[in-house]
Amino acid sequence: FTQFGLPNGALFDENVNDHQFTFENNI
């Protein structure tokens, strides 16, 4: 997915240790 030119495309193959956790479930 990093090759598709999508917004934030680099985040489709990010280092999990750099992931910014955001919780947003509706339940």
mmCIF file of all heavy atoms, coordinates in Angstrom:
data_MODEL
# 
_entry.id   MODEL 
# 
loop_
_atom_site.group_PDB 
_atom_site.id 
_atom_site.type_symbol 
_atom_site.label_atom_id 
_atom_site.label_alt_id 
_atom_site.label_comp_id 
_atom_site.label_asym_id 
_atom_site.label_entity_id 
_atom_site.label_seq_id 
_atom_site.pdbx_PDB_ins_code 
_atom_site.Cartn_x 
_atom_site.Cartn_y 
_atom_site.Cartn_z 
_atom_site.occupancy 
_atom_site.B_iso_or_equiv 
_atom_site.pdbx_formal_charge 
_atom_site.auth_seq_id 
_atom_site.auth_comp_id 
_atom_site.auth_asym_id 
_atom_site.auth_atom_id 
_atom_site.pdbx_PDB_model_num 
ATOM 1   N N   . PHE A 1 1  ? 0.814   -1.215 0.000  1.00 0.00 ? 1  PHE A N   1 
ATOM 2   C CA  . PHE A 1 1  ? 0.000   0.000  0.000  1.00 0.00 ? 1  PHE A CA  1 
ATOM 3   C C   . PHE A 1 1  ? 0.847   1.264  0.000  1.00 0.00 ? 1  PHE A C   1 
ATOM 4   O O   . PHE A 1 1  ? 0.342   2.342  -0.309 1.00 0.00 ? 1  PHE A O   1 
ATOM 5   C CB  . PHE A 1 1  ? -0.936  0.004  1.220  1.00 0.00 ? 1  PHE A CB  1 
ATOM 6   C CG  . PHE A 1 1  ? -2.199  -0.783 1.012  1.00 0.00 ? 1  PHE A CG  1 
ATOM 7   C CD1 . PHE A 1 1  ? -2.165  -2.052 0.463  1.00 0.00 ? 1  PHE A CD1 1 
ATOM 8   C CD2 . PHE A 1 1  ? -3.432  -0.251 1.369  1.00 0.00 ? 1  PHE A CD2 1 
ATOM 9   C CE1 . PHE A 1 1  ? -3.319  -2.785 0.277  1.00 0.00 ? 1  PHE A CE1 1 
ATOM 10  C CE2 . PHE A 1 1  ? -4.592  -0.972 1.178  1.00 0.00 ? 1  PHE A CE2 1 
ATOM 11  C CZ  . PHE A 1 1  ? -4.546  -2.249 0.629  1.00 0.00 ? 1  PHE A CZ  1 
ATOM 12  N N   . THR A 1 2  ? 2.121   1.148  0.370  1.00 0.00 ? 2  THR A N   1 
ATOM 13  C CA  . THR A 1 2  ? 2.972   2.340  0.376  1.00 0.00 ? 2  THR A CA  1 
ATOM 14  C C   . THR A 1 2  ? 3.244   2.842  -1.033 1.00 0.00 ? 2  THR A C   1 
ATOM 15  O O   . THR A 1 2  ? 3.722   3.966  -1.208 1.00 0.00 ? 2  THR A O   1 
ATOM 16  C CB  . THR A 1 2  ? 4.310   2.038  1.067  1.00 0.00 ? 2  THR A CB  1 
ATOM 17  O OG1 . THR A 1 2  ? 5.008   1.012  0.344  1.00 0.00 ? 2  THR A OG1 1 
ATOM 18  C CG2 . THR A 1 2  ? 4.087   1.565  2.503  1.00 0.00 ? 2  THR A CG2 1 
ATOM 19  N N   . GLN A 1 3  ? 2.942   2.031  -2.062 1.00 0.00 ? 3  GLN A N   1 
ATOM 20  C CA  . GLN A 1 3  ? 3.214   2.412  -3.445 1.00 0.00 ? 3  GLN A CA  1 
ATOM 21  C C   . GLN A 1 3  ? 2.034   3.101  -4.121 1.00 0.00 ? 3  GLN A C   1 
ATOM 22  O O   . GLN A 1 3  ? 2.134   3.509  -5.271 1.00 0.00 ? 3  GLN A O   1 
ATOM 23  C CB  . GLN A 1 3  ? 3.598   1.157  -4.258 1.00 0.00 ? 3  GLN A CB  1 
ATOM 24  C CG  . GLN A 1 3  ? 4.629   0.258  -3.607 1.00 0.00 ? 3  GLN A CG  1 
ATOM 25  C CD  . GLN A 1 3  ? 5.948   0.977  -3.399 1.00 0.00 ? 3  GLN A CD  1 
ATOM 26  O OE1 . GLN A 1 3  ? 6.402   1.727  -4.261 1.00 0.00 ? 3  GLN A OE1 1 
ATOM 27  N NE2 . GLN A 1 3  ? 6.563   0.751  -2.242 1.00 0.00 ? 3  GLN A NE2 1 
ATOM 28  N N   . PHE A 1 4  ? 0.910   3.228  -3.420 1.00 0.00 ? 4  PHE A N   1 
ATOM 29  C CA  . PHE A 1 4  ? -0.306  3.730  -4.062 1.00 0.00 ? 4  PHE A CA  1 
ATOM 30  C C   . PHE A 1 4  ? -0.473  5.231  -3.968 1.00 0.00 ? 4  PHE A C   1 
ATOM 31  O O   . PHE A 1 4  ? -1.456  5.779  -4.473 1.00 0.00 ? 4  PHE A O   1 
ATOM 32  C CB  . PHE A 1 4  ? -1.542  3.056  -3.453 1.00 0.00 ? 4  PHE A CB  1 
ATOM 33  C CG  . PHE A 1 4  ? -1.616  1.567  -3.695 1.00 0.00 ? 4  PHE A CG  1 
ATOM 34  C CD1 . PHE A 1 4  ? -2.416  0.762  -2.900 1.00 0.00 ? 4  PHE A CD1 1 
ATOM 35  C CD2 . PHE A 1 4  ? -0.866  0.960  -4.702 1.00 0.00 ? 4  PHE A CD2 1 
ATOM 36  C CE1 . PHE A 1 4  ? -2.480  -0.604 -3.113 1.00 0.00 ? 4  PHE A CE1 1 
ATOM 37  C CE2 . PHE A 1 4  ? -0.927  -0.398 -4.917 1.00 0.00 ? 4  PHE A CE2 1 
ATOM 38  C CZ  . PHE A 1 4  ? -1.730  -1.194 -4.125 1.00 0.00 ? 4  PHE A CZ  1 
ATOM 39  N N   . GLY A 1 5  ? 0.445   5.905  -3.326 1.00 0.00 ? 5  GLY A N   1 
ATOM 40  C CA  . GLY A 1 5  ? 0.319   7.352  -3.207 1.00 0.00 ? 5  GLY A CA  1 
ATOM 41  C C   . GLY A 1 5  ? -0.798  7.792  -2.290 1.00 0.00 ? 5  GLY A C   1 
ATOM 42  O O   . GLY A 1 5  ? -1.323  8.901  -2.433 1.00 0.00 ? 5  GLY A O   1 
ATOM 43  N N   . LEU A 1 6  ? -1.188  6.949  -1.355 1.00 0.00 ? 6  LEU A N   1 
ATOM 44  C CA  . LEU A 1 6  ? -2.271  7.284  -0.429 1.00 0.00 ? 6  LEU A CA  1 
ATOM 45  C C   . LEU A 1 6  ? -1.776  8.255  0.639  1.00 0.00 ? 6  LEU A C   1 
ATOM 46  O O   . LEU A 1 6  ? -0.584  8.300  0.956  1.00 0.00 ? 6  LEU A O   1 
ATOM 47  C CB  . LEU A 1 6  ? -2.789  6.009  0.251  1.00 0.00 ? 6  LEU A CB  1 
ATOM 48  C CG  . LEU A 1 6  ? -3.406  4.963  -0.677 1.00 0.00 ? 6  LEU A CG  1 
ATOM 49  C CD1 . LEU A 1 6  ? -3.665  3.666  0.096  1.00 0.00 ? 6  LEU A CD1 1 
ATOM 50  C CD2 . LEU A 1 6  ? -4.705  5.482  -1.273 1.00 0.00 ? 6  LEU A CD2 1 
ATOM 51  N N   . PRO A 1 7  ? -2.689  9.061  1.193  1.00 0.00 ? 7  PRO A N   1 
ATOM 52  C CA  . PRO A 1 7  ? -2.285  9.920  2.323  1.00 0.00 ? 7  PRO A CA  1 
ATOM 53  C C   . PRO A 1 7  ? -1.739  9.065  3.456  1.00 0.00 ? 7  PRO A C   1 
ATOM 54  O O   . PRO A 1 7  ? -2.250  7.986  3.729  1.00 0.00 ? 7  PRO A O   1 
ATOM 55  C CB  . PRO A 1 7  ? -3.605  10.599 2.721  1.00 0.00 ? 7  PRO A CB  1 
ATOM 56  C CG  . PRO A 1 7  ? -4.467  10.524 1.498  1.00 0.00 ? 7  PRO A CG  1 
ATOM 57  C CD  . PRO A 1 7  ? -4.095  9.260  0.799  1.00 0.00 ? 7  PRO A CD  1 
ATOM 58  N N   . ASN A 1 8  ? -0.695  9.540  4.105  1.00 0.00 ? 8  ASN A N   1 
ATOM 59  C CA  . ASN A 1 8  ? -0.045  8.801  5.180  1.00 0.00 ? 8  ASN A CA  1 
ATOM 60  C C   . ASN A 1 8  ? 0.378   7.399  4.721  1.00 0.00 ? 8  ASN A C   1 
ATOM 61  O O   . ASN A 1 8  ? 0.347   6.440  5.502  1.00 0.00 ? 8  ASN A O   1 
ATOM 62  C CB  . ASN A 1 8  ? -0.974  8.666  6.389  1.00 0.00 ? 8  ASN A CB  1 
ATOM 63  C CG  . ASN A 1 8  ? -1.388  10.013 6.962  1.00 0.00 ? 8  ASN A CG  1 
ATOM 64  O OD1 . ASN A 1 8  ? -0.539  10.843 7.246  1.00 0.00 ? 8  ASN A OD1 1 
ATOM 65  N ND2 . ASN A 1 8  ? -2.682  10.225 7.092  1.00 0.00 ? 8  ASN A ND2 1 
ATOM 66  N N   . GLY A 1 9  ? 0.767   7.292  3.466  1.00 0.00 ? 9  GLY A N   1 
ATOM 67  C CA  . GLY A 1 9  ? 1.076   5.988  2.895  1.00 0.00 ? 9  GLY A CA  1 
ATOM 68  C C   . GLY A 1 9  ? 2.169   5.248  3.630  1.00 0.00 ? 9  GLY A C   1 
ATOM 69  O O   . GLY A 1 9  ? 2.132   4.016  3.723  1.00 0.00 ? 9  GLY A O   1 
ATOM 70  N N   . ALA A 1 10 ? 3.141   5.983  4.180  1.00 0.00 ? 10 ALA A N   1 
ATOM 71  C CA  . ALA A 1 10 ? 4.250   5.324  4.866  1.00 0.00 ? 10 ALA A CA  1 
ATOM 72  C C   . ALA A 1 10 ? 3.776   4.570  6.103  1.00 0.00 ? 10 ALA A C   1 
ATOM 73  O O   . ALA A 1 10 ? 4.435   3.623  6.559  1.00 0.00 ? 10 ALA A O   1 
ATOM 74  C CB  . ALA A 1 10 ? 5.308   6.348  5.254  1.00 0.00 ? 10 ALA A CB  1 
ATOM 75  N N   . LEU A 1 11 ? 2.617   4.943  6.654  1.00 0.00 ? 11 LEU A N   1 
ATOM 76  C CA  . LEU A 1 11 ? 2.130   4.312  7.874  1.00 0.00 ? 11 LEU A CA  1 
ATOM 77  C C   . LEU A 1 11 ? 1.594   2.907  7.639  1.00 0.00 ? 11 LEU A C   1 
ATOM 78  O O   . LEU A 1 11 ? 1.310   2.193  8.599  1.00 0.00 ? 11 LEU A O   1 
ATOM 79  C CB  . LEU A 1 11 ? 1.039   5.170  8.514  1.00 0.00 ? 11 LEU A CB  1 
ATOM 80  C CG  . LEU A 1 11 ? 1.483   6.556  8.983  1.00 0.00 ? 11 LEU A CG  1 
ATOM 81  C CD1 . LEU A 1 11 ? 0.320   7.298  9.605  1.00 0.00 ? 11 LEU A CD1 1 
ATOM 82  C CD2 . LEU A 1 11 ? 2.638   6.453  9.973  1.00 0.00 ? 11 LEU A CD2 1 
ATOM 83  N N   . PHE A 1 12 ? 1.449   2.511  6.374  1.00 0.00 ? 12 PHE A N   1 
ATOM 84  C CA  . PHE A 1 12 ? 1.006   1.151  6.105  1.00 0.00 ? 12 PHE A CA  1 
ATOM 85  C C   . PHE A 1 12 ? 2.123   0.129  6.330  1.00 0.00 ? 12 PHE A C   1 
ATOM 86  O O   . PHE A 1 12 ? 1.878   -1.074 6.296  1.00 0.00 ? 12 PHE A O   1 
ATOM 87  C CB  . PHE A 1 12 ? 0.485   1.033  4.672  1.00 0.00 ? 12 PHE A CB  1 
ATOM 88  C CG  . PHE A 1 12 ? -0.850  1.684  4.468  1.00 0.00 ? 12 PHE A CG  1 
ATOM 89  C CD1 . PHE A 1 12 ? -0.941  2.950  3.931  1.00 0.00 ? 12 PHE A CD1 1 
ATOM 90  C CD2 . PHE A 1 12 ? -2.012  1.042  4.860  1.00 0.00 ? 12 PHE A CD2 1 
ATOM 91  C CE1 . PHE A 1 12 ? -2.175  3.559  3.761  1.00 0.00 ? 12 PHE A CE1 1 
ATOM 92  C CE2 . PHE A 1 12 ? -3.246  1.643  4.693  1.00 0.00 ? 12 PHE A CE2 1 
ATOM 93  C CZ  . PHE A 1 12 ? -3.327  2.906  4.141  1.00 0.00 ? 12 PHE A CZ  1 
ATOM 94  N N   . ASP A 1 13 ? 3.341   0.619  6.542  1.00 0.00 ? 13 ASP A N   1 
ATOM 95  C CA  . ASP A 1 13 ? 4.459   -0.287 6.830  1.00 0.00 ? 13 ASP A CA  1 
ATOM 96  C C   . ASP A 1 13 ? 5.362   0.356  7.879  1.00 0.00 ? 13 ASP A C   1 
ATOM 97  O O   . ASP A 1 13 ? 6.572   0.407  7.733  1.00 0.00 ? 13 ASP A O   1 
ATOM 98  C CB  . ASP A 1 13 ? 5.247   -0.571 5.549  1.00 0.00 ? 13 ASP A CB  1 
ATOM 99  C CG  . ASP A 1 13 ? 6.278   -1.683 5.745  1.00 0.00 ? 13 ASP A CG  1 
ATOM 100 O OD1 . ASP A 1 13 ? 6.079   -2.515 6.638  1.00 0.00 ? 13 ASP A OD1 1 
ATOM 101 O OD2 . ASP A 1 13 ? 7.291   -1.686 5.020  1.00 0.00 ? 13 ASP A OD2 1 
ATOM 102 N N   . GLU A 1 14 ? 4.751   0.834  8.951  1.00 0.00 ? 14 GLU A N   1 
ATOM 103 C CA  . GLU A 1 14 ? 5.526   1.521  9.975  1.00 0.00 ? 14 GLU A CA  1 
ATOM 104 C C   . GLU A 1 14 ? 6.072   0.534  11.002 1.00 0.00 ? 14 GLU A C   1 
ATOM 105 O O   . GLU A 1 14 ? 5.591   -0.591 11.146 1.00 0.00 ? 14 GLU A O   1 
ATOM 106 C CB  . GLU A 1 14 ? 4.670   2.561  10.689 1.00 0.00 ? 14 GLU A CB  1 
ATOM 107 C CG  . GLU A 1 14 ? 3.561   1.971  11.545 1.00 0.00 ? 14 GLU A CG  1 
ATOM 108 C CD  . GLU A 1 14 ? 2.825   3.023  12.350 1.00 0.00 ? 14 GLU A CD  1 
ATOM 109 O OE1 . GLU A 1 14 ? 3.431   4.052  12.687 1.00 0.00 ? 14 GLU A OE1 1 
ATOM 110 O OE2 . GLU A 1 14 ? 1.631   2.807  12.646 1.00 0.00 ? 14 GLU A OE2 1 
ATOM 111 N N   . ASN A 1 15 ? 7.083   0.978  11.718 1.00 0.00 ? 15 ASN A N   1 
ATOM 112 C CA  . ASN A 1 15 ? 7.599   0.227  12.858 1.00 0.00 ? 15 ASN A CA  1 
ATOM 113 C C   . ASN A 1 15 ? 6.568   0.312  13.968 1.00 0.00 ? 15 ASN A C   1 
ATOM 114 O O   . ASN A 1 15 ? 6.154   1.398  14.369 1.00 0.00 ? 15 ASN A O   1 
ATOM 115 C CB  . ASN A 1 15 ? 8.928   0.830  13.314 1.00 0.00 ? 15 ASN A CB  1 
ATOM 116 C CG  . ASN A 1 15 ? 9.580   0.011  14.422 1.00 0.00 ? 15 ASN A CG  1 
ATOM 117 O OD1 . ASN A 1 15 ? 8.914   -0.555 15.278 1.00 0.00 ? 15 ASN A OD1 1 
ATOM 118 N ND2 . ASN A 1 15 ? 10.916  -0.021 14.393 1.00 0.00 ? 15 ASN A ND2 1 
ATOM 119 N N   . VAL A 1 16 ? 6.125   -0.842 14.463 1.00 0.00 ? 16 VAL A N   1 
ATOM 120 C CA  . VAL A 1 16 ? 5.054   -0.844 15.463 1.00 0.00 ? 16 VAL A CA  1 
ATOM 121 C C   . VAL A 1 16 ? 5.453   -0.070 16.713 1.00 0.00 ? 16 VAL A C   1 
ATOM 122 O O   . VAL A 1 16 ? 4.603   0.481  17.425 1.00 0.00 ? 16 VAL A O   1 
ATOM 123 C CB  . VAL A 1 16 ? 4.658   -2.290 15.811 1.00 0.00 ? 16 VAL A CB  1 
ATOM 124 C CG1 . VAL A 1 16 ? 5.772   -2.994 16.570 1.00 0.00 ? 16 VAL A CG1 1 
ATOM 125 C CG2 . VAL A 1 16 ? 3.368   -2.318 16.614 1.00 0.00 ? 16 VAL A CG2 1 
ATOM 126 N N   . ASN A 1 17 ? 6.753   0.026  16.994 1.00 0.00 ? 17 ASN A N   1 
ATOM 127 C CA  . ASN A 1 17 ? 7.206   0.760  18.164 1.00 0.00 ? 17 ASN A CA  1 
ATOM 128 C C   . ASN A 1 17 ? 7.027   2.267  18.006 1.00 0.00 ? 17 ASN A C   1 
ATOM 129 O O   . ASN A 1 17 ? 7.089   3.004  18.991 1.00 0.00 ? 17 ASN A O   1 
ATOM 130 C CB  . ASN A 1 17 ? 8.679   0.444  18.458 1.00 0.00 ? 17 ASN A CB  1 
ATOM 131 C CG  . ASN A 1 17 ? 8.888   -1.012 18.820 1.00 0.00 ? 17 ASN A CG  1 
ATOM 132 O OD1 . ASN A 1 17 ? 8.209   -1.533 19.693 1.00 0.00 ? 17 ASN A OD1 1 
ATOM 133 N ND2 . ASN A 1 17 ? 9.812   -1.664 18.136 1.00 0.00 ? 17 ASN A ND2 1 
ATOM 134 N N   . ASP A 1 18 ? 6.821   2.714  16.764 1.00 0.00 ? 18 ASP A N   1 
ATOM 135 C CA  . ASP A 1 18 ? 6.604   4.136  16.512 1.00 0.00 ? 18 ASP A CA  1 
ATOM 136 C C   . ASP A 1 18 ? 5.134   4.475  16.347 1.00 0.00 ? 18 ASP A C   1 
ATOM 137 O O   . ASP A 1 18 ? 4.781   5.631  16.133 1.00 0.00 ? 18 ASP A O   1 
ATOM 138 C CB  . ASP A 1 18 ? 7.356   4.560  15.236 1.00 0.00 ? 18 ASP A CB  1 
ATOM 139 C CG  . ASP A 1 18 ? 8.855   4.350  15.355 1.00 0.00 ? 18 ASP A CG  1 
ATOM 140 O OD1 . ASP A 1 18 ? 9.372   4.477  16.487 1.00 0.00 ? 18 ASP A OD1 1 
ATOM 141 O OD2 . ASP A 1 18 ? 9.496   4.033  14.334 1.00 0.00 ? 18 ASP A OD2 1 
ATOM 142 N N   . HIS A 1 19 ? 4.269   3.474  16.445 1.00 0.00 ? 19 HIS A N   1 
ATOM 143 C CA  . HIS A 1 19 ? 2.844   3.679  16.194 1.00 0.00 ? 19 HIS A CA  1 
ATOM 144 C C   . HIS A 1 19 ? 2.213   4.563  17.265 1.00 0.00 ? 19 HIS A C   1 
ATOM 145 O O   . HIS A 1 19 ? 2.432   4.358  18.465 1.00 0.00 ? 19 HIS A O   1 
ATOM 146 C CB  . HIS A 1 19 ? 2.132   2.329  16.148 1.00 0.00 ? 19 HIS A CB  1 
ATOM 147 C CG  . HIS A 1 19 ? 0.676   2.417  15.807 1.00 0.00 ? 19 HIS A CG  1 
ATOM 148 N ND1 . HIS A 1 19 ? 0.234   2.824  14.572 1.00 0.00 ? 19 HIS A ND1 1 
ATOM 149 C CD2 . HIS A 1 19 ? -0.432  2.148  16.535 1.00 0.00 ? 19 HIS A CD2 1 
ATOM 150 C CE1 . HIS A 1 19 ? -1.080  2.790  14.555 1.00 0.00 ? 19 HIS A CE1 1 
ATOM 151 N NE2 . HIS A 1 19 ? -1.511  2.385  15.746 1.00 0.00 ? 19 HIS A NE2 1 
ATOM 152 N N   . GLN A 1 20 ? 1.439   5.557  16.842 1.00 0.00 ? 20 GLN A N   1 
ATOM 153 C CA  . GLN A 1 20 ? 0.716   6.422  17.766 1.00 0.00 ? 20 GLN A CA  1 
ATOM 154 C C   . GLN A 1 20 ? -0.671  5.830  18.007 1.00 0.00 ? 20 GLN A C   1 
ATOM 155 O O   . GLN A 1 20 ? -1.518  5.851  17.128 1.00 0.00 ? 20 GLN A O   1 
ATOM 156 C CB  . GLN A 1 20 ? 0.606   7.832  17.170 1.00 0.00 ? 20 GLN A CB  1 
ATOM 157 C CG  . GLN A 1 20 ? 1.938   8.523  16.960 1.00 0.00 ? 20 GLN A CG  1 
ATOM 158 C CD  . GLN A 1 20 ? 2.690   8.718  18.270 1.00 0.00 ? 20 GLN A CD  1 
ATOM 159 O OE1 . GLN A 1 20 ? 2.136   9.204  19.256 1.00 0.00 ? 20 GLN A OE1 1 
ATOM 160 N NE2 . GLN A 1 20 ? 3.966   8.353  18.276 1.00 0.00 ? 20 GLN A NE2 1 
ATOM 161 N N   . PHE A 1 21 ? -0.868  5.293  19.182 1.00 0.00 ? 21 PHE A N   1 
ATOM 162 C CA  . PHE A 1 21 ? -2.114  4.586  19.471 1.00 0.00 ? 21 PHE A CA  1 
ATOM 163 C C   . PHE A 1 21 ? -3.250  5.564  19.725 1.00 0.00 ? 21 PHE A C   1 
ATOM 164 O O   . PHE A 1 21 ? -3.144  6.477  20.539 1.00 0.00 ? 21 PHE A O   1 
ATOM 165 C CB  . PHE A 1 21 ? -1.925  3.660  20.674 1.00 0.00 ? 21 PHE A CB  1 
ATOM 166 C CG  . PHE A 1 21 ? -1.101  2.452  20.343 1.00 0.00 ? 21 PHE A CG  1 
ATOM 167 C CD1 . PHE A 1 21 ? 0.265   2.443  20.544 1.00 0.00 ? 21 PHE A CD1 1 
ATOM 168 C CD2 . PHE A 1 21 ? -1.700  1.328  19.798 1.00 0.00 ? 21 PHE A CD2 1 
ATOM 169 C CE1 . PHE A 1 21 ? 1.017   1.331  20.228 1.00 0.00 ? 21 PHE A CE1 1 
ATOM 170 C CE2 . PHE A 1 21 ? -0.953  0.212  19.474 1.00 0.00 ? 21 PHE A CE2 1 
ATOM 171 C CZ  . PHE A 1 21 ? 0.409   0.215  19.691 1.00 0.00 ? 21 PHE A CZ  1 
ATOM 172 N N   . THR A 1 22 ? -4.341  5.345  18.987 1.00 0.00 ? 22 THR A N   1 
ATOM 173 C CA  . THR A 1 22 ? -5.554  6.145  19.130 1.00 0.00 ? 22 THR A CA  1 
ATOM 174 C C   . THR A 1 22 ? -6.727  5.186  19.240 1.00 0.00 ? 22 THR A C   1 
ATOM 175 O O   . THR A 1 22 ? -6.928  4.344  18.372 1.00 0.00 ? 22 THR A O   1 
ATOM 176 C CB  . THR A 1 22 ? -5.757  7.075  17.925 1.00 0.00 ? 22 THR A CB  1 
ATOM 177 O OG1 . THR A 1 22 ? -4.608  7.920  17.782 1.00 0.00 ? 22 THR A OG1 1 
ATOM 178 C CG2 . THR A 1 22 ? -6.992  7.936  18.115 1.00 0.00 ? 22 THR A CG2 1 
ATOM 179 N N   . PHE A 1 23 ? -7.504  5.306  20.287 1.00 0.00 ? 23 PHE A N   1 
ATOM 180 C CA  . PHE A 1 23 ? -8.636  4.418  20.514 1.00 0.00 ? 23 PHE A CA  1 
ATOM 181 C C   . PHE A 1 23 ? -9.912  5.159  20.145 1.00 0.00 ? 23 PHE A C   1 
ATOM 182 O O   . PHE A 1 23 ? -10.186 6.242  20.677 1.00 0.00 ? 23 PHE A O   1 
ATOM 183 C CB  . PHE A 1 23 ? -8.662  3.961  21.972 1.00 0.00 ? 23 PHE A CB  1 
ATOM 184 C CG  . PHE A 1 23 ? -7.399  3.269  22.396 1.00 0.00 ? 23 PHE A CG  1 
ATOM 185 C CD1 . PHE A 1 23 ? -6.389  3.967  23.037 1.00 0.00 ? 23 PHE A CD1 1 
ATOM 186 C CD2 . PHE A 1 23 ? -7.211  1.927  22.121 1.00 0.00 ? 23 PHE A CD2 1 
ATOM 187 C CE1 . PHE A 1 23 ? -5.218  3.327  23.420 1.00 0.00 ? 23 PHE A CE1 1 
ATOM 188 C CE2 . PHE A 1 23 ? -6.046  1.277  22.495 1.00 0.00 ? 23 PHE A CE2 1 
ATOM 189 C CZ  . PHE A 1 23 ? -5.043  1.977  23.142 1.00 0.00 ? 23 PHE A CZ  1 
ATOM 190 N N   . GLU A 1 24 ? -10.709 4.581  19.249 1.00 0.00 ? 24 GLU A N   1 
ATOM 191 C CA  . GLU A 1 24 ? -11.876 5.303  18.741 1.00 0.00 ? 24 GLU A CA  1 
ATOM 192 C C   . GLU A 1 24 ? -13.018 4.362  18.368 1.00 0.00 ? 24 GLU A C   1 
ATOM 193 O O   . GLU A 1 24 ? -13.810 4.656  17.487 1.00 0.00 ? 24 GLU A O   1 
ATOM 194 C CB  . GLU A 1 24 ? -11.477 6.155  17.535 1.00 0.00 ? 24 GLU A CB  1 
ATOM 195 C CG  . GLU A 1 24 ? -10.785 5.363  16.421 1.00 0.00 ? 24 GLU A CG  1 
ATOM 196 C CD  . GLU A 1 24 ? -10.362 6.247  15.261 1.00 0.00 ? 24 GLU A CD  1 
ATOM 197 O OE1 . GLU A 1 24 ? -10.600 7.455  15.306 1.00 0.00 ? 24 GLU A OE1 1 
ATOM 198 O OE2 . GLU A 1 24 ? -9.793  5.696  14.302 1.00 0.00 ? 24 GLU A OE2 1 
ATOM 199 N N   . ASN A 1 25 ? -13.137 3.229  19.026 1.00 0.00 ? 25 ASN A N   1 
ATOM 200 C CA  . ASN A 1 25 ? -14.239 2.319  18.727 1.00 0.00 ? 25 ASN A CA  1 
ATOM 201 C C   . ASN A 1 25 ? -15.555 2.903  19.248 1.00 0.00 ? 25 ASN A C   1 
ATOM 202 O O   . ASN A 1 25 ? -15.582 3.689  20.197 1.00 0.00 ? 25 ASN A O   1 
ATOM 203 C CB  . ASN A 1 25 ? -13.988 0.945  19.356 1.00 0.00 ? 25 ASN A CB  1 
ATOM 204 C CG  . ASN A 1 25 ? -13.520 1.037  20.796 1.00 0.00 ? 25 ASN A CG  1 
ATOM 205 O OD1 . ASN A 1 25 ? -12.395 1.477  21.048 1.00 0.00 ? 25 ASN A OD1 1 
ATOM 206 N ND2 . ASN A 1 25 ? -14.370 0.645  21.726 1.00 0.00 ? 25 ASN A ND2 1 
ATOM 207 N N   . ASN A 1 26 ? -16.658 2.500  18.620 1.00 0.00 ? 26 ASN A N   1 
ATOM 208 C CA  . ASN A 1 26 ? -17.967 3.066  18.984 1.00 0.00 ? 26 ASN A CA  1 
ATOM 209 C C   . ASN A 1 26 ? -18.718 2.229  20.010 1.00 0.00 ? 26 ASN A C   1 
ATOM 210 O O   . ASN A 1 26 ? -19.853 2.541  20.357 1.00 0.00 ? 26 ASN A O   1 
ATOM 211 C CB  . ASN A 1 26 ? -18.840 3.225  17.732 1.00 0.00 ? 26 ASN A CB  1 
ATOM 212 C CG  . ASN A 1 26 ? -19.268 1.889  17.151 1.00 0.00 ? 26 ASN A CG  1 
ATOM 213 O OD1 . ASN A 1 26 ? -18.472 0.947  17.104 1.00 0.00 ? 26 ASN A OD1 1 
ATOM 214 N ND2 . ASN A 1 26 ? -20.505 1.792  16.690 1.00 0.00 ? 26 ASN A ND2 1 
ATOM 215 N N   . ILE A 1 27 ? -18.090 1.151  20.513 1.00 0.00 ? 27 ILE A N   1 
ATOM 216 C CA  . ILE A 1 27 ? -18.694 0.293  21.528 1.00 0.00 ? 27 ILE A CA  1 
ATOM 217 C C   . ILE A 1 27 ? -17.906 0.434  22.824 1.00 0.00 ? 27 ILE A C   1 
ATOM 218 O O   . ILE A 1 27 ? -16.674 0.366  22.826 1.00 0.00 ? 27 ILE A O   1 
ATOM 219 C CB  . ILE A 1 27 ? -18.689 -1.186 21.088 1.00 0.00 ? 27 ILE A CB  1 
ATOM 220 C CG1 . ILE A 1 27 ? -19.505 -1.367 19.805 1.00 0.00 ? 27 ILE A CG1 1 
ATOM 221 C CG2 . ILE A 1 27 ? -19.224 -2.082 22.198 1.00 0.00 ? 27 ILE A CG2 1 
ATOM 222 C CD1 . ILE A 1 27 ? -20.998 -1.156 19.980 1.00 0.00 ? 27 ILE A CD1 1 
# 
